[in-house]
C-alpha atoms as a PDB file:
ATOM      1  CA  MET A   1       1.427  16.000 -13.038  1.00  0.00           C
ATOM      2  CA  THR A   2       5.064  15.579 -14.026  1.00  0.00           C
ATOM      3  CA  ALA A   3       7.170  12.485 -14.436  1.00  0.00           C
ATOM      4  CA  ILE A   4       9.134  13.564 -11.367  1.00  0.00           C
ATOM      5  CA  ASP A   5       5.947  13.470  -9.291  1.00  0.00           C
ATOM      6  CA  ASP A   6       5.157   9.976 -10.562  1.00  0.00           C
ATOM      7  CA  LEU A   7       8.698   8.829  -9.905  1.00  0.00           C
ATOM      8  CA  THR A   8       8.568  10.123  -6.344  1.00  0.00           C
ATOM      9  CA  ARG A   9       5.255   8.375  -5.741  1.00  0.00           C
ATOM     10  CA  LEU A  10       6.546   5.148  -7.254  1.00  0.00           C
ATOM     11  CA  HIS A  11       9.515   5.323  -4.880  1.00  0.00           C
ATOM     12  CA  HIS A  12       7.152   5.854  -1.940  1.00  0.00           C
ATOM     13  CA  MET A  13       5.156   2.808  -3.050  1.00  0.00           C
ATOM     14  CA  GLN A  14       8.302   0.723  -3.401  1.00  0.00           C
ATOM     15  CA  ASP A  15       9.637   1.792   0.006  1.00  0.00           C
ATOM     16  CA  ALA A  16       6.324   1.024   1.713  1.00  0.00           C
ATOM     17  CA  ALA A  17       6.077  -2.366  -0.006  1.00  0.00           C
ATOM     18  CA  ARG A  18       9.587  -3.309   1.040  1.00  0.00           C
ATOM     19  CA  GLU A  19       8.867  -2.215   4.591  1.00  0.00           C
ATOM     20  CA  ALA A  20       5.608  -4.228   4.782  1.00  0.00           C
ATOM     21  CA  ILE A  21       7.422  -7.288   3.451  1.00  0.00           C
ATOM     22  CA  ALA A  22      10.174  -6.826   6.042  1.00  0.00           C
ATOM     23  CA  PHE A  23       7.613  -6.457   8.833  1.00  0.00           C
ATOM     24  CA  MET A  24       5.927  -9.706   7.771  1.00  0.00           C
ATOM     25  CA  SER A  25       9.129 -11.640   7.099  1.00  0.00           C
ATOM     26  CA  GLY A  26       9.055 -14.847   9.116  1.00  0.00           C
ATOM     27  CA  LYS A  27       5.599 -14.038  10.500  1.00  0.00           C
ATOM     28  CA  THR A  28       2.445 -16.124  10.253  1.00  0.00           C
ATOM     29  CA  ARG A  29      -1.231 -15.236  10.050  1.00  0.00           C
ATOM     30  CA  ASP A  30      -1.423 -15.985  13.767  1.00  0.00           C
ATOM     31  CA  ASP A  31       1.377 -13.493  14.437  1.00  0.00           C
ATOM     32  CA  LEU A  32      -0.631 -10.891  12.584  1.00  0.00           C
ATOM     33  CA  ALA A  33      -3.800 -11.770  14.478  1.00  0.00           C
ATOM     34  CA  ASN A  34      -2.049 -11.462  17.842  1.00  0.00           C
ATOM     35  CA  ASN A  35       0.172  -8.438  17.312  1.00  0.00           C
ATOM     36  CA  ARG A  36      -1.734  -5.163  17.056  1.00  0.00           C
ATOM     37  CA  MET A  37       1.440  -3.172  16.419  1.00  0.00           C
ATOM     38  CA  LEU A  38       2.309  -5.402  13.463  1.00  0.00           C
ATOM     39  CA  VAL A  39      -1.196  -4.962  12.044  1.00  0.00           C
ATOM     40  CA  LEU A  40      -1.012  -1.183  12.339  1.00  0.00           C
ATOM     41  CA  ALA A  41       2.433  -1.066  10.723  1.00  0.00           C
ATOM     42  CA  VAL A  42       1.444  -3.197   7.750  1.00  0.00           C
ATOM     43  CA  VAL A  43      -1.876  -1.398   7.309  1.00  0.00           C
ATOM     44  CA  LYS A  44      -0.081   1.961   7.299  1.00  0.00           C
ATOM     45  CA  ASP A  45       2.255   0.770   4.540  1.00  0.00           C
ATOM     46  CA  LEU A  46      -0.689  -0.513   2.496  1.00  0.00           C
ATOM     47  CA  GLU A  47      -2.389   2.852   2.927  1.00  0.00           C
ATOM     48  CA  ILE A  48       0.748   4.641   1.702  1.00  0.00           C
ATOM     49  CA  ILE A  49       0.862   2.390  -1.354  1.00  0.00           C
ATOM     50  CA  GLY A  50      -2.793   2.984  -2.162  1.00  0.00           C
ATOM     51  CA  GLU A  51      -2.614   6.738  -1.616  1.00  0.00           C
ATOM     52  CA  ALA A  52       0.405   7.041  -3.896  1.00  0.00           C
ATOM     53  CA  ALA A  53      -1.182   4.764  -6.511  1.00  0.00           C
ATOM     54  CA  GLY A  54      -4.221   7.016  -6.575  1.00  0.00           C
ATOM     55  CA  ARG A  55      -2.051  10.008  -7.385  1.00  0.00           C
ATOM     56  CA  ILE A  56      -0.093   8.449 -10.234  1.00  0.00           C
ATOM     57  CA  SER A  57      -0.809  10.250 -13.475  1.00  0.00           C
ATOM     58  CA  THR A  58      -3.184   8.831 -16.052  1.00  0.00           C
ATOM     59  CA  GLU A  59      -0.308   8.698 -18.526  1.00  0.00           C
ATOM     60  CA  CYS A  60       1.869   6.624 -16.206  1.00  0.00           C
ATOM     61  CA  ARG A  61      -1.020   4.296 -15.402  1.00  0.00           C
ATOM     62  CA  ALA A  62      -1.620   3.797 -19.121  1.00  0.00           C
ATOM     63  CA  ARG A  63       2.065   3.040 -19.762  1.00  0.00           C
ATOM     64  CA  HIS A  64       1.979   0.450 -16.984  1.00  0.00           C
ATOM     65  CA  SER A  65      -1.493  -0.955 -17.440  1.00  0.00           C
ATOM     66  CA  ASN A  66      -0.414  -4.366 -16.123  1.00  0.00           C
ATOM     67  CA  ILE A  67      -0.176  -2.882 -12.604  1.00  0.00           C
ATOM     68  CA  PRO A  68      -3.433  -3.171 -10.625  1.00  0.00           C
ATOM     69  CA  TRP A  69      -3.692   0.541  -9.749  1.00  0.00           C
ATOM     70  CA  ILE A  70      -7.384   0.427  -8.889  1.00  0.00           C
ATOM     71  CA  VAL A  71      -6.953  -2.596  -6.609  1.00  0.00           C
ATOM     72  CA  MET A  72      -4.304  -0.748  -4.600  1.00  0.00           C
ATOM     73  CA  VAL A  73      -6.456   2.375  -4.310  1.00  0.00           C
ATOM     74  CA  GLU A  74      -9.534   0.368  -3.318  1.00  0.00           C
ATOM     75  CA  MET A  75      -7.569  -1.523  -0.665  1.00  0.00           C
ATOM     76  CA  ARG A  76      -6.364   1.770   0.762  1.00  0.00           C
ATOM     77  CA  ASN A  77      -9.932   3.054   0.853  1.00  0.00           C
ATOM     78  CA  ARG A  78     -11.148  -0.064   2.628  1.00  0.00           C
ATOM     79  CA  LEU A  79      -8.392   0.109   5.210  1.00  0.00           C
ATOM     80  CA  THR A  80      -8.821   3.831   5.760  1.00  0.00           C
ATOM     81  CA  TYR A  81     -12.603   4.031   5.954  1.00  0.00           C
ATOM     82  CA  ALA A  82     -13.608   0.660   7.384  1.00  0.00           C
ATOM     83  CA  TYR A  83     -13.236  -0.325  10.999  1.00  0.00           C
ATOM     84  CA  PHE A  84     -11.834  -3.787  11.700  1.00  0.00           C
ATOM     85  CA  PRO A  85     -12.042  -4.481  15.453  1.00  0.00           C
ATOM     86  CA  SER A  86     -10.224  -7.788  15.030  1.00  0.00           C
ATOM     87  CA  ILE A  87      -8.296  -8.781  11.966  1.00  0.00           C
END
């Protein structure tokens, strides 16, 4: 994997994080519980972050070991493979 690939993935992660934050701006937990479209939008962004994190090179992960790469990947896996009828 090249540095360009990592950089692209890092940009995808950053864009998705910014979008999720914007979606949740001014919202409460109750808003999230009562707005299925909001849930789906935020979950999709978290999945994008986790998918990209899982494809970051070992070298990049080592250089930035303070970033919780595994946590992001595991969250993506939970959201992708688990069914949550009501969040």
